[in-house]
Protein backbone atom coordinates (compact mmCIF):
# COMPACT_ATOMS: atom_id res chain seq x y z
CA UNK A 1 -3.28 -17.52 -63.30
CA UNK A 2 -6.61 -18.19 -61.45
CA UNK A 3 -4.39 -20.64 -59.41
CA UNK A 4 -1.40 -18.01 -58.65
CA UNK A 5 -3.87 -15.34 -57.10
CA UNK A 6 -5.92 -17.88 -54.97
CA UNK A 7 -2.27 -18.91 -53.91
CA UNK A 8 -1.48 -15.36 -53.38
CA UNK A 9 -4.72 -14.29 -51.58
CA UNK A 10 -4.57 -17.59 -49.26
CA UNK A 11 -1.32 -16.59 -48.44
CA UNK A 12 -2.23 -13.08 -47.70
CA UNK A 13 -5.44 -14.41 -45.63
CA UNK A 14 -2.81 -16.68 -43.44
CA UNK A 15 -0.52 -13.42 -43.15
CA UNK A 16 -3.71 -11.63 -41.69
CA UNK A 17 -5.00 -14.27 -39.56
CA UNK A 18 -1.36 -14.96 -37.91
CA UNK A 19 -1.21 -10.82 -37.45
CA UNK A 20 -4.29 -10.83 -35.70
CA UNK A 21 -3.11 -13.70 -33.76
CA UNK A 22 0.15 -12.01 -32.65
CA UNK A 23 -2.05 -8.67 -31.53
CA UNK A 24 -5.07 -10.70 -29.72
CA UNK A 25 -1.88 -12.11 -27.82
CA UNK A 26 -0.04 -9.07 -27.15
CA UNK A 27 -3.20 -7.24 -25.88
CA UNK A 28 -3.85 -10.39 -23.74
CA UNK A 29 -0.51 -9.85 -21.64
CA UNK A 30 -0.94 -6.34 -21.92
CA UNK A 31 -4.58 -6.97 -20.19
CA UNK A 32 -2.94 -9.42 -17.47
CA UNK A 33 0.03 -6.57 -16.73
CA UNK A 34 -2.19 -4.30 -16.05
CA UNK A 35 -4.49 -6.57 -14.04
CA UNK A 36 -1.34 -7.40 -11.94
CA UNK A 37 -0.72 -3.83 -11.42
CA UNK A 38 -4.24 -2.73 -9.99
CA UNK A 39 -4.04 -5.82 -7.71
CA UNK A 40 -0.21 -4.58 -6.69
CA UNK A 41 -1.26 -0.82 -6.36
CA UNK A 42 -4.51 -2.27 -4.16
CA UNK A 43 -2.53 -4.00 -1.99
CA UNK A 44 -0.25 -1.08 -1.44
CA UNK A 45 -2.73 1.08 -0.72
CA UNK A 46 -4.41 -1.14 1.96
CA UNK A 47 -1.19 -2.13 3.72
CA UNK A 48 -0.94 1.77 3.41
CA UNK A 49 -3.89 2.52 5.11
CA UNK A 50 -3.18 -0.11 7.80
CA UNK A 51 -0.13 1.61 8.48
CA UNK A 52 -1.55 5.01 8.92
CA UNK A 53 -4.14 3.59 11.29
CA UNK A 54 -1.21 2.04 13.38
CA UNK A 55 0.30 5.46 13.36
CA UNK A 56 -2.56 7.07 14.56
CA UNK A 57 -3.01 4.58 17.44
CA UNK A 58 0.24 4.97 18.14
CA UNK A 59 0.54 8.90 18.14
CA UNK A 60 -2.86 8.38 20.54
CA UNK A 61 -1.11 6.22 23.07
CA UNK A 62 2.30 8.28 22.82
CA UNK A 63 -0.41 11.48 24.01
CA UNK A 64 -1.85 9.26 26.82
CA UNK A 65 1.48 8.40 28.36
CA UNK A 66 2.52 11.99 28.36
CA UNK A 67 -0.44 13.03 30.19
CA UNK A 68 0.11 10.29 32.95
CA UNK A 69 3.80 11.03 32.69
CA UNK A 70 3.36 14.56 33.63
CA UNK A 71 0.28 13.68 36.17
CA UNK A 72 3.33 11.54 37.91
CA UNK A 73 5.68 14.10 37.84
CA UNK A 74 3.22 16.32 39.59
CA UNK A 75 2.29 13.97 42.15
CA UNK A 76 6.23 13.18 42.91
CA UNK A 77 6.54 17.16 43.27
CA UNK A 78 3.57 17.47 45.48
CA UNK A 79 5.23 14.41 47.55
CA UNK A 80 8.34 15.94 47.83
CA UNK A 81 7.04 19.22 49.22
CA UNK A 82 5.05 17.49 51.71
CA UNK A 83 8.32 15.20 52.81
CA UNK A 84 10.13 18.55 53.16
CA UNK A 85 7.17 20.66 54.63
CA UNK A 86 6.86 17.76 57.53
CA UNK A 87 10.87 18.08 57.95
CA UNK A 88 12.20 15.21 55.92
CA UNK A 89 15.13 15.15 53.42
CA UNK A 90 13.65 13.60 50.16
């Protein structure tokens, strides 16, 4: 009976060690997956911020060009009036 108890105890201990190893392995895989997800999230956020900056710069440039266009159109209108006033045909 003493040898049987020792054998049973060692089998239970072996199963416990194997179970702990499996849990540790799965835990490490989960940790690696979480780190990968966090890294991907950080990359996506930095790309989003970069694209938002580019969009703001583009919008600023559009406003600047629209202002220049309006100034050009008013100058063209003024010059046409001058040509008409001086007797020419625009």
